[in-house]
Structure formats: structure tokens, C-alpha cells
Protein backbone atom coordinates (compact mmCIF):
# COMPACT_ATOMS: atom_id res chain seq x y z
CA UNK A 1 -51.42 36.84 -68.88
CA UNK A 2 -49.62 36.29 -65.63
CA UNK A 3 -47.18 33.44 -65.40
CA UNK A 4 -48.34 30.93 -62.77
CA UNK A 5 -45.13 29.24 -62.61
CA UNK A 6 -43.23 32.51 -61.95
CA UNK A 7 -45.65 33.48 -59.27
CA UNK A 8 -45.14 30.18 -57.57
CA UNK A 9 -41.29 30.60 -57.56
CA UNK A 10 -41.61 34.14 -56.24
CA UNK A 11 -43.78 33.09 -53.48
CA UNK A 12 -41.48 30.54 -52.15
CA UNK A 13 -39.57 31.23 -49.03
CA UNK A 14 -35.97 31.96 -49.22
CA UNK A 15 -35.32 30.82 -45.57
CA UNK A 16 -33.90 27.55 -46.80
CA UNK A 17 -31.37 29.00 -49.18
CA UNK A 18 -30.15 31.33 -46.39
CA UNK A 19 -29.78 28.25 -44.20
CA UNK A 20 -27.98 26.41 -46.93
CA UNK A 21 -25.38 29.22 -47.38
CA UNK A 22 -24.87 29.44 -43.54
CA UNK A 23 -24.29 25.82 -43.31
CA UNK A 24 -21.63 25.76 -46.21
CA UNK A 25 -19.90 28.70 -44.41
CA UNK A 26 -19.76 26.69 -41.07
CA UNK A 27 -18.44 23.60 -42.92
CA UNK A 28 -15.72 25.79 -44.60
CA UNK A 29 -14.66 27.24 -41.24
CA UNK A 30 -14.67 23.74 -39.56
CA UNK A 31 -12.56 22.48 -42.61
CA UNK A 32 -9.89 25.15 -41.87
CA UNK A 33 -9.77 24.65 -38.32
CA UNK A 34 -9.22 20.95 -38.55
CA UNK A 35 -6.61 21.49 -41.07
CA UNK A 36 -4.85 23.64 -38.66
CA UNK A 37 -5.28 21.43 -35.85
CA UNK A 38 -3.75 18.61 -37.98
CA UNK A 39 -0.67 20.53 -38.68
CA UNK A 40 0.00 21.69 -35.10
CA UNK A 41 -1.03 18.95 -33.00
CA UNK A 42 1.84 16.77 -33.30
CA UNK A 43 4.03 19.74 -32.12
CA UNK A 44 2.04 21.20 -29.27
CA UNK A 45 0.80 17.73 -27.90
CA UNK A 46 3.83 15.52 -28.35
CA UNK A 47 3.26 12.20 -26.52
CA UNK A 48 5.99 10.30 -25.13
CA UNK A 49 5.41 7.40 -27.39
CA UNK A 50 6.50 9.21 -30.36
CA UNK A 51 10.11 8.03 -31.14
CA UNK A 52 13.10 10.57 -30.97
CA UNK A 53 14.50 9.45 -34.36
CA UNK A 54 12.12 10.57 -36.92
CA UNK A 55 12.61 9.08 -40.56
CA UNK A 56 11.81 11.66 -43.06
CA UNK A 57 10.35 11.06 -46.58
CA UNK A 58 13.04 10.50 -49.21
CA UNK A 59 14.58 13.92 -50.37
CA UNK A 60 13.11 15.79 -47.48
CA UNK A 61 15.62 16.97 -44.62
CA UNK A 62 15.12 15.93 -40.99
CA UNK A 63 15.73 18.13 -38.05
CA UNK A 64 17.36 16.96 -34.81
CA UNK A 65 14.98 17.83 -31.78
CA UNK A 66 18.02 19.16 -29.79
CA UNK A 67 18.70 22.05 -32.10
CA UNK A 68 17.60 25.41 -30.80
CA UNK A 69 15.94 27.81 -33.38
CA UNK A 70 17.84 31.10 -33.80
CA UNK A 71 14.76 32.85 -32.93
CA UNK A 72 14.79 31.59 -29.43
CA UNK A 73 18.49 32.68 -28.87
CA UNK A 74 17.52 36.09 -29.65
CA UNK A 75 14.38 36.18 -27.46
CA UNK A 76 14.96 34.48 -24.00
CA UNK A 77 11.26 34.92 -23.06
CA UNK A 78 10.19 32.68 -26.21
CA UNK A 79 8.55 29.77 -24.77
CA UNK A 80 8.22 27.69 -28.15
CA UNK A 81 9.57 28.33 -31.73
CA UNK A 82 9.32 26.33 -34.84
CA UNK A 83 11.97 24.92 -37.19
CA UNK A 84 10.41 25.40 -40.91
CA UNK A 85 11.16 24.20 -44.42
CA UNK A 86 10.15 25.95 -47.51
CA UNK A 87 7.56 24.30 -49.51
CA UNK A 88 7.49 24.20 -53.31
CA UNK A 89 4.72 27.05 -53.68
CA UNK A 90 6.72 29.41 -51.40
CA UNK A 91 4.82 28.78 -48.19
CA UNK A 92 6.22 27.85 -44.89
CA UNK A 93 5.34 24.30 -43.31
CA UNK A 94 5.97 23.96 -39.59
CA UNK A 95 7.73 20.64 -39.22
CA UNK A 96 9.54 20.63 -35.77
CA UNK A 97 9.28 22.84 -32.42
CA UNK A 98 11.91 23.07 -29.30
CA UNK A 99 11.01 24.22 -25.79
CA UNK A 100 12.93 26.99 -24.21
CA UNK A 101 16.60 26.05 -23.22
CA UNK A 102 18.06 23.41 -25.85
CA UNK A 103 20.63 20.95 -24.65
CA UNK A 104 23.65 22.00 -26.78
CA UNK A 105 23.25 25.79 -26.08
CA UNK A 106 22.72 25.18 -22.34
CA UNK A 107 25.85 22.95 -22.11
CA UNK A 108 28.11 25.48 -24.20
CA UNK A 109 26.96 28.39 -22.04
CA UNK A 110 27.51 26.46 -18.89
CA UNK A 111 31.07 25.42 -19.97
CA UNK A 112 32.15 29.03 -20.81
CA UNK A 113 30.61 30.41 -17.57
CA UNK A 114 32.60 27.76 -15.78
CA UNK A 115 35.82 28.35 -17.32
CA UNK A 116 36.07 32.16 -17.98
CA UNK A 117 36.76 33.08 -14.41
CA UNK A 118 39.77 30.73 -14.28
CA UNK A 119 41.45 32.06 -17.32
CA UNK A 120 44.35 34.77 -16.98
CA UNK A 121 46.70 36.89 -19.16
CA UNK A 122 50.34 36.58 -18.87
CA UNK A 123 52.81 39.27 -19.38
CA UNK A 124 56.55 39.40 -18.92
CA UNK A 125 59.76 41.09 -19.21
CA UNK A 126 62.88 39.35 -20.68
CA UNK A 127 66.56 39.64 -20.99
CA UNK A 128 67.24 41.76 -24.22
CA UNK A 129 68.44 39.56 -26.97
CA UNK A 130 68.05 39.30 -30.87
CA UNK A 131 64.46 38.83 -31.93
CA UNK A 132 63.38 35.43 -32.57
CA UNK A 133 61.82 34.55 -36.01
CA UNK A 134 58.75 32.19 -36.12
CA UNK A 135 60.05 28.65 -36.06
CA UNK A 136 58.70 26.46 -38.93
CA UNK A 137 59.51 22.70 -38.40
CA UNK A 138 59.46 19.84 -41.09
CA UNK A 139 55.82 19.46 -40.71
CA UNK A 140 55.21 23.23 -41.33
CA UNK A 141 53.98 23.61 -37.79
CA UNK A 142 54.56 27.24 -36.76
CA UNK A 143 55.21 28.61 -33.29
CA UNK A 144 54.81 32.40 -33.15
CA UNK A 145 57.46 33.57 -30.78
CA UNK A 146 55.77 34.96 -27.57
CA UNK A 147 58.10 37.84 -27.28
CA UNK A 148 57.89 40.38 -30.10
CA UNK A 149 59.22 43.45 -28.46
CA UNK A 150 55.93 45.14 -28.46
CA UNK A 151 55.21 46.63 -24.88
CA UNK A 152 51.51 45.63 -23.87
CA UNK A 153 51.27 47.52 -20.58
CA UNK A 154 53.38 49.54 -18.21
CA UNK A 155 53.43 48.64 -14.51
CA UNK A 156 55.45 50.37 -12.04
CA UNK A 157 57.16 52.10 -14.96
CA UNK A 158 58.20 48.79 -16.42
CA UNK A 159 57.15 47.77 -19.83
CA UNK A 160 55.54 44.24 -20.14
CA UNK A 161 54.88 42.34 -23.34
CA UNK A 162 51.75 40.11 -23.52
CA UNK A 163 53.12 36.58 -24.05
CA UNK A 164 50.25 34.11 -23.52
CA UNK A 165 47.38 32.96 -21.37
CA UNK A 166 47.15 30.67 -18.30
CA UNK A 167 44.69 28.79 -16.20
CA UNK A 168 44.22 28.61 -12.29
CA UNK A 169 44.89 24.88 -11.27
CA UNK A 170 44.81 25.69 -7.48
CA UNK A 171 42.91 28.35 -5.60
CA UNK A 172 46.01 29.31 -3.85
CA UNK A 173 46.98 31.15 -7.09
CA UNK A 174 48.84 28.68 -9.06
CA UNK A 175 48.45 28.90 -12.88
CA UNK A 176 49.34 26.19 -15.59
CA UNK A 177 50.67 27.53 -18.91
CA UNK A 178 53.25 26.62 -21.64
CA UNK A 179 57.00 26.45 -21.09
CA UNK A 180 57.47 28.43 -24.54
CA UNK A 181 55.53 31.15 -22.94
CA UNK A 182 57.86 31.70 -19.89
CA UNK A 183 61.07 30.36 -21.04
CA UNK A 184 62.87 33.89 -21.50
CA UNK A 185 60.99 35.80 -18.88
CA UNK A 186 62.80 37.60 -16.22
CA UNK A 187 59.84 39.11 -14.67
CA UNK A 188 56.21 37.96 -14.98
CA UNK A 189 53.06 39.79 -14.28
CA UNK A 190 49.54 38.15 -14.49
CA UNK A 191 46.18 39.78 -15.16
CA UNK A 192 43.33 38.25 -13.16
CA UNK A 193 40.15 39.40 -14.81
CA UNK A 194 37.23 40.49 -12.25
CA UNK A 195 35.42 43.82 -11.38
CA UNK A 196 37.93 45.21 -11.88
CA UNK A 197 40.68 43.28 -13.46
CA UNK A 198 43.96 43.35 -11.32
CA UNK A 199 47.67 42.69 -12.12
CA UNK A 200 49.79 40.57 -9.78
CA UNK A 201 53.50 39.67 -9.95
CA UNK A 202 53.97 35.97 -10.30
CA UNK A 203 57.07 33.59 -9.87
CA UNK A 204 58.06 30.64 -12.02
CA UNK A 205 57.62 27.72 -9.79
CA UNK A 206 58.31 24.83 -12.14
CA UNK A 207 59.30 24.56 -15.86
CA UNK A 208 59.36 21.31 -18.13
CA UNK A 209 60.86 22.09 -21.47
CA UNK A 210 60.36 18.48 -22.72
CA UNK A 211 56.69 18.71 -21.83
CA UNK A 212 56.25 22.28 -22.65
CA UNK A 213 54.77 23.10 -19.33
CA UNK A 214 55.16 25.89 -16.82
CA UNK A 215 53.65 26.55 -13.24
CA UNK A 216 53.32 30.06 -12.01
CA UNK A 217 52.37 31.22 -8.56
CA UNK A 218 50.88 34.66 -7.85
CA UNK A 219 52.89 36.81 -5.35
CA UNK A 220 49.78 37.92 -3.23
CA UNK A 221 47.93 37.14 -0.05
CA UNK A 222 44.76 37.66 -1.92
CA UNK A 223 42.35 34.69 -2.67
CA UNK A 224 41.11 32.11 -2.83
CA UNK A 225 41.16 32.27 -6.67
CA UNK A 226 38.83 30.39 -9.02
CA UNK A 227 40.22 27.05 -9.71
CA UNK A 228 39.46 25.20 -12.96
CA UNK A 229 37.81 21.84 -13.01
CA UNK A 230 40.45 19.35 -14.28
CA UNK A 231 38.87 16.85 -16.65
CA UNK A 232 40.09 13.34 -17.78
CA UNK A 233 41.30 13.80 -21.31
CA UNK A 234 41.48 9.90 -22.00
CA UNK A 235 37.68 10.19 -22.49
CA UNK A 236 38.10 12.72 -25.22
CA UNK A 237 37.24 11.38 -28.91
CA UNK A 238 37.40 12.87 -32.26
CA UNK A 239 34.18 14.79 -32.94
CA UNK A 240 33.75 15.98 -29.35
CA UNK A 241 32.76 19.51 -28.82
CA UNK A 242 35.51 21.84 -27.32
CA UNK A 243 35.67 25.50 -26.20
CA UNK A 244 39.17 27.38 -26.33
CA UNK A 245 39.84 30.46 -24.10
CA UNK A 246 42.57 32.87 -24.36
CA UNK A 247 43.74 36.27 -25.70
CA UNK A 248 44.57 35.86 -29.22
CA UNK A 249 46.09 39.19 -30.46
CA UNK A 250 45.61 40.74 -26.88
CA UNK A 251 41.63 40.50 -27.37
CA UNK A 252 41.13 39.49 -23.77
CA UNK A 253 39.25 36.29 -22.75
CA UNK A 254 38.22 35.41 -26.16
CA UNK A 255 35.99 32.18 -26.50
CA UNK A 256 36.11 30.07 -29.49
CA UNK A 257 34.54 26.79 -30.13
CA UNK A 258 35.03 23.68 -32.27
CA UNK A 259 35.56 20.07 -32.35
CA UNK A 260 38.41 17.59 -31.75
CA UNK A 261 39.53 17.12 -35.24
CA UNK A 262 42.01 14.33 -34.69
CA UNK A 263 44.66 12.86 -32.31
CA UNK A 264 48.22 13.03 -33.16
CA UNK A 265 50.31 10.39 -31.61
CA UNK A 266 53.81 12.08 -31.88
CA UNK A 267 54.82 15.32 -33.54
CA UNK A 268 58.03 17.35 -33.44
CA UNK A 269 57.33 21.19 -32.89
CA UNK A 270 59.99 23.78 -32.48
CA UNK A 271 62.47 20.89 -31.38
CA UNK A 272 60.15 19.45 -28.77
CA UNK A 273 58.48 16.15 -29.27
CA UNK A 274 54.84 15.98 -28.33
CA UNK A 275 52.90 12.89 -27.80
CA UNK A 276 48.94 12.52 -28.16
CA UNK A 277 48.40 15.94 -29.16
CA UNK A 278 44.68 16.88 -29.66
CA UNK A 279 43.88 18.35 -33.01
CA UNK A 280 41.06 21.16 -33.05
CA UNK A 281 39.51 23.60 -35.24
CA UNK A 282 38.62 25.82 -32.36
CA UNK A 283 40.54 29.14 -33.17
CA UNK A 284 44.02 29.37 -31.35
CA UNK A 285 46.37 32.43 -32.14
CA UNK A 286 49.06 34.49 -30.77
CA UNK A 287 48.24 35.00 -27.06
CA UNK A 288 46.26 31.75 -26.85
CA UNK A 289 49.10 29.59 -25.92
CA UNK A 290 48.74 28.15 -22.24
CA UNK A 291 45.04 28.69 -22.15
CA UNK A 292 42.56 25.95 -21.60
CA UNK A 293 40.81 23.67 -24.05
CA UNK A 294 37.62 22.43 -22.20
CA UNK A 295 34.80 20.00 -22.81
CA UNK A 296 31.18 20.79 -22.59
CA UNK A 297 31.09 20.20 -18.80
CA UNK A 298 33.59 23.02 -18.42
CA UNK A 299 36.53 20.56 -17.66
CA UNK A 300 39.94 21.33 -18.76
CA UNK A 301 40.96 18.63 -21.03
CA UNK A 302 43.97 20.33 -22.73
CA UNK A 303 46.32 23.17 -22.75
CA UNK A 304 46.45 25.12 -26.24
CA UNK A 305 50.03 24.94 -27.48
CA UNK A 306 50.52 25.35 -31.28
CA UNK A 307 49.00 26.07 -34.82
CA UNK A 308 49.52 25.15 -38.22
CA UNK A 309 50.04 28.68 -39.65
CA UNK A 310 51.69 29.20 -43.04
CA UNK A 311 50.75 32.62 -42.72
CA UNK A 312 51.47 33.11 -39.09
CA UNK A 313 47.76 33.19 -38.04
CA UNK A 314 45.22 30.34 -37.39
CA UNK A 315 44.35 28.27 -40.40
CA UNK A 316 41.77 26.01 -38.97
CA UNK A 317 44.27 23.55 -37.33
CA UNK A 318 45.51 23.99 -33.96
CA UNK A 319 46.92 21.62 -31.30
CA UNK A 320 46.57 21.33 -27.61
CA UNK A 321 48.37 19.10 -24.91
CA UNK A 322 45.97 16.78 -23.34
CA UNK A 323 45.55 17.60 -19.73
CA UNK A 324 46.25 13.74 -18.71
CA UNK A 325 49.92 14.60 -20.00
CA UNK A 326 50.19 17.46 -17.61
CA UNK A 327 48.98 15.65 -14.51
CA UNK A 328 52.41 14.08 -13.54
CA UNK A 329 53.78 17.76 -13.67
CA UNK A 330 51.07 19.13 -11.62
CA UNK A 331 51.18 16.33 -9.13
CA UNK A 332 54.81 16.68 -8.59
CA UNK A 333 54.68 20.31 -7.85
CA UNK A 334 51.27 20.63 -6.34
CA UNK A 335 51.03 17.51 -4.38
CA UNK A 336 47.46 16.79 -5.54
CA UNK A 337 46.03 13.51 -7.03
CA UNK A 338 44.04 13.64 -10.21
CA UNK A 339 42.50 10.14 -10.14
CA UNK A 340 38.81 9.61 -11.42
CA UNK A 341 36.56 9.28 -8.43
CA UNK A 342 34.34 6.09 -7.72
CA UNK A 343 31.00 5.80 -6.19
CA UNK A 344 30.34 3.46 -3.22
CA UNK A 345 29.71 0.52 -5.64
CA UNK A 346 33.02 0.98 -7.07
CA UNK A 347 31.75 2.29 -10.55
CA UNK A 348 32.77 5.36 -12.09
CA UNK A 349 30.02 7.85 -13.06
CA UNK A 350 30.68 8.13 -16.79
CA UNK A 351 28.60 7.20 -19.45
CA UNK A 352 30.92 5.27 -21.62
CA UNK A 353 30.99 1.50 -22.10
CA UNK A 354 34.46 1.04 -24.02
CA UNK A 355 37.97 1.88 -23.20
CA UNK A 356 39.54 1.03 -26.46
CA UNK A 357 40.05 4.61 -27.43
CA UNK A 358 41.75 5.65 -24.17
CA UNK A 359 45.25 6.85 -23.41
CA UNK A 360 47.06 5.35 -20.47
CA UNK A 361 45.94 7.20 -17.31
CA UNK A 362 48.01 9.28 -15.05
CA UNK A 363 47.93 7.19 -11.81
CA UNK A 364 50.23 4.14 -11.42
CA UNK A 365 48.51 1.34 -9.66
CA UNK A 366 48.81 -2.47 -9.19
CA UNK A 367 45.94 -4.97 -10.30
CA UNK A 368 47.83 -8.37 -10.46
CA UNK A 369 46.47 -10.47 -13.22
CA UNK A 370 47.53 -11.55 -16.71
CA UNK A 371 44.54 -12.04 -19.45
CA UNK A 372 43.85 -13.38 -22.80
CA UNK A 373 41.71 -12.23 -25.47
CA UNK A 374 38.47 -14.14 -26.06
CA UNK A 375 38.60 -15.90 -29.25
CA UNK A 376 36.06 -18.02 -31.08
CA UNK A 377 37.08 -21.34 -29.20
CA UNK A 378 36.90 -19.48 -25.76
CA UNK A 379 33.59 -17.80 -26.66
CA UNK A 380 32.15 -21.05 -27.66
CA UNK A 381 33.21 -22.85 -24.52
CA UNK A 382 31.77 -20.08 -22.27
CA UNK A 383 28.68 -19.20 -24.46
CA UNK A 384 29.65 -15.65 -24.87
CA UNK A 385 30.25 -13.58 -28.02
CA UNK A 386 33.78 -13.25 -29.46
CA UNK A 387 35.53 -10.12 -28.03
CA UNK A 388 33.16 -9.74 -24.93
CA UNK A 389 35.28 -9.76 -21.93
CA UNK A 390 38.66 -11.25 -21.27
CA UNK A 391 39.97 -14.55 -20.02
CA UNK A 392 42.17 -14.43 -16.70
CA UNK A 393 45.06 -16.66 -17.37
CA UNK A 394 47.21 -15.97 -14.32
CA UNK A 395 46.87 -14.45 -10.74
CA UNK A 396 49.88 -12.93 -9.13
CA UNK A 397 50.23 -13.97 -5.70
CA UNK A 398 49.32 -11.36 -3.06
CA UNK A 399 47.96 -8.83 -5.70
CA UNK A 400 44.82 -6.99 -5.17
CA UNK A 401 42.88 -9.29 -7.65
CA UNK A 402 44.04 -12.41 -5.76
CA UNK A 403 42.98 -10.95 -2.66
CA UNK A 404 39.63 -10.12 -3.87
CA UNK A 405 39.12 -13.72 -5.07
CA UNK A 406 39.48 -13.46 -8.79
CA UNK A 407 40.37 -16.88 -10.32
CA UNK A 408 42.10 -18.27 -13.24
CA UNK A 409 39.44 -19.08 -15.83
CA UNK A 410 37.27 -16.17 -14.82
CA UNK A 411 35.94 -13.97 -17.75
CA UNK A 412 36.14 -10.26 -16.76
CA UNK A 413 33.35 -8.39 -18.50
CA UNK A 414 33.73 -4.77 -16.87
CA UNK A 415 35.85 -2.85 -14.61
CA UNK A 416 34.33 0.07 -12.66
CA UNK A 417 31.27 -0.37 -14.92
CA UNK A 418 33.38 0.03 -18.13
CA UNK A 419 33.06 -2.70 -20.63
CA UNK A 420 36.24 -4.73 -21.19
CA UNK A 421 36.60 -6.07 -24.85
CA UNK A 422 40.53 -6.06 -25.31
CA UNK A 423 43.54 -7.32 -23.29
CA UNK A 424 44.80 -3.91 -22.80
CA UNK A 425 41.63 -2.42 -21.52
CA UNK A 426 42.18 -3.29 -17.81
CA UNK A 427 45.33 -1.49 -17.25
CA UNK A 428 43.98 1.54 -19.05
CA UNK A 429 40.88 1.54 -16.78
CA UNK A 430 42.56 0.94 -13.27
CA UNK A 431 45.22 3.49 -13.83
CA UNK A 432 42.49 6.21 -13.80
CA UNK A 433 42.01 5.45 -10.02
CA UNK A 434 44.42 5.79 -7.15
CA UNK A 435 45.81 3.23 -4.69
CA UNK A 436 43.26 2.12 -2.13
CA UNK A 437 40.29 2.72 -4.24
CA UNK A 438 37.77 -0.44 -4.46
CA UNK A 439 37.02 -0.99 -7.95
CA UNK A 440 33.95 -2.90 -8.95
CA UNK A 441 34.92 -6.04 -11.22
CA UNK A 442 32.06 -7.92 -13.04
CA UNK A 443 32.89 -11.42 -13.88
CA UNK A 444 31.62 -14.63 -15.45
CA UNK A 445 32.41 -17.97 -13.57
CA UNK A 446 31.00 -21.29 -14.15
CA UNK A 447 28.39 -19.79 -16.30
CA UNK A 448 27.15 -17.33 -13.71
CA UNK A 449 27.69 -13.57 -13.51
CA UNK A 450 29.21 -12.19 -10.12
CA UNK A 451 30.65 -8.98 -9.02
CA UNK A 452 33.77 -8.39 -6.55
CA UNK A 453 35.47 -5.33 -5.23
CA UNK A 454 39.15 -5.02 -5.98
CA UNK A 455 41.21 -2.79 -3.81
CA UNK A 456 43.93 -1.32 -5.68
CA UNK A 457 47.59 -1.05 -4.66
């Protein structure tokens, strides 16, 4: 006997079942798309309202946005790349992205491209004498003697030893290097790199054994030569990125990078007392002496000079003479001024607010005031925080400050746009400019802020 219920089921249409399966499939696809959109939207459509500093969850790493992924460095055509982190299940989760051209890589590349054409190799002949041994002083800082008797090249049937590096400081063919590079030289040749590289005879224009500096001049009518940008080493701080260029072990125009590892106020190396040496972990070796240490703008901020080398090779600690310590030597022999330029408002175009870490500048100028620190009593009287500005205690008659109208009792807040917080800041600031410069001075008088221009003498 036929089963009426089975016939009724069999006679039902399967269309609703098919539609239901299709609906489930569509919903699944939409869910996958939405989840992918949730992952990628913050990367592809980053809004300006998103703060740059991203706080990660506890236990998870954060990635600074100015770091370029390695894939981008390999493929310059790559427009976007992602930084990823491993997830516990072995998958990869996109957590950040960077557009082509990260800031650090670009600045390093630009610095290298700027300085490379200005660096040269120095070769020399010398009066025959007993070979010098590496000098190790009480601080175990080792100078490798520049002359080792090994002939690097023959020019006009004369043998020359590679003794160091140098940097063009004037387009007329003047080169700055170390005194210990040239001190025993009787005949100097300089290799200037280009297409092709060329060798030029050079004369020693000036030497300063106490400063460990030497100035060479190419004996040629060729030129102009590419002149390095001279920076202001007083802005340099521990932790700043730097690039060193030279020819360590004869490997021409080698570029190394690192940071400023420390500031050494006074050191005696090979019988010479150095002041305010920069310590760096950028590799410096035999043949690097006299080469430039540069900042991320491609400006020379030091001359590579010595290494801590118990084994005779670089061990992670090198030293450079700050370029400001070279400026008196250069000014005396080149007749150039190395003052920091000011704009029309008397402001320096440098994004710093404090000079407390600065060395004394290279240019002697006259300002004409005596100041006191802002202590708690003065701060309460003037309604300002302790340590903000300095109090003018005395004005020298006929001085630039007096001519500009600065008065006893004024609070000087900034000079040339640089915040003043200590009594020694003003001399450090103004000695970075030259006589005749109009320097902006922001001050507080009778509870009101004002600005005056002081013409330095």
C-alpha cells in the first residue's frame, strides 16, 4: 500500500532548498570579504586623525611607521609593503605598512650621495727612517702608524704608500686631513675619485700638531672640485646617526654608519691631548684617518682620527675631532667664516630648543650683558616657571645689548629662536654667529613679551 506521506514529500519542490544553499554560500562569501576589509582598511585608508604613536597591547611589539620594510629596499617599484608579525597559529597578520621612500633610508642615502664626491685618498713618500710601532697610550687607545713601508701605487716611477683620507673643504682644491697622516710626508699625492679617478700632486699648506690637523692644496689648474658642506658640530648629540667615509685597508670610498656613542671631554692619544672628541661605533680603520664623519644632512661634523684597537683593528669604538674644533684652523688658512646663518627675523633655522648640550661656538662676538639664573623667588615674582629664561642683571655701556634697548630686570627667554634656560646658554648661542649679524632676542618685560634685534659686534 503506497505511503501517502512519502508521496507528499517526494512531490515537494526542491527550489526552496537550492535557494537556501545559495543564500548560505553568499553569506559566507560576504563574511570573508568583510573580515578581509577589517584587516586591510586601517592600512590602505589611514586617516589623518589616527595618532602617530600607536600603543600596542601588553606583550605585543609595536613598529615605528618610519621604518621601511626590507622588501621595499629590494624592489624600488614597490608602492606599498607590510610589516608583519607571526601569530601563534603560524599565520601572518598585517600590522603596518609604509609608502615607498621611508624617511631614514632617504636621509641616509642623501647624506652618502652628498659626501662621497668630496672624499679623497692621500698617498705619500717619506724620509726613510726606522719603522714606527703602533702607539698605545695609558688609555689603551691605539694609533696605527700611517706609514708601513708597503707601496700602494707607483706614479712617475715613484712608490707611494696609502696613508689616509681627506675631505675637500674648498672647491679650489683644499683638503682637510689629520696631522698624523702627513707629519712624515715629503711628497704627497691625492687620488680624486670620478670617471675616471685621477691622481694629483699636493702641497702641505698648514699643519697643527696640537690639533692633529693638516691642510693640503692640489697642485693643479683643474677644478672646481666638489666641496663638502661644513656643519655645526655643537648641535650633535649622543644617539645621532652618523656616516663615516674613508678607505680602510685601502678599500676605496668605504661608507660605514653608526651613532654618536659619547662625548669625551679630554683624552690623550699618542702624546696629543684632544678636547671634546666624538665617540662613534661607525667603523674606522687604517686608511680612515682624516676622512669625514657626517650627519644625516650630509654635513661634515667631524674628522675621523683614532680607534680603540687592542688588536690593531676596529673594535666598535672610534673617535673623531668635532668640526667646530677645526674651524679656527680652517679660518686662519682659508680666510672663510663658518658662522651659522640667520634668517631676516634673526632666527636660526634649526629645530632645537635648548643649547645646554652645546660646545662653545667657533666665532668670537660681543653681546654685552650679565645674567642671573631664574630661581624660585625670581620665578614667583615674574610669574614664570623656574629655569625658564635668565634675568638680566647688568648691561655694559655701549654694548650691542644696550644699543638694542635691553634693560636690567628683563627676562631673556630665547636668542635666535633657541630657548635659554641656563646662564651659560647665551654665550654658547651668540658665538655661533658672526659680528654684524642681527640676532632675534625674545624677552619678558613688565609681564609682557617682546622681541628686539641685537646687532652683534
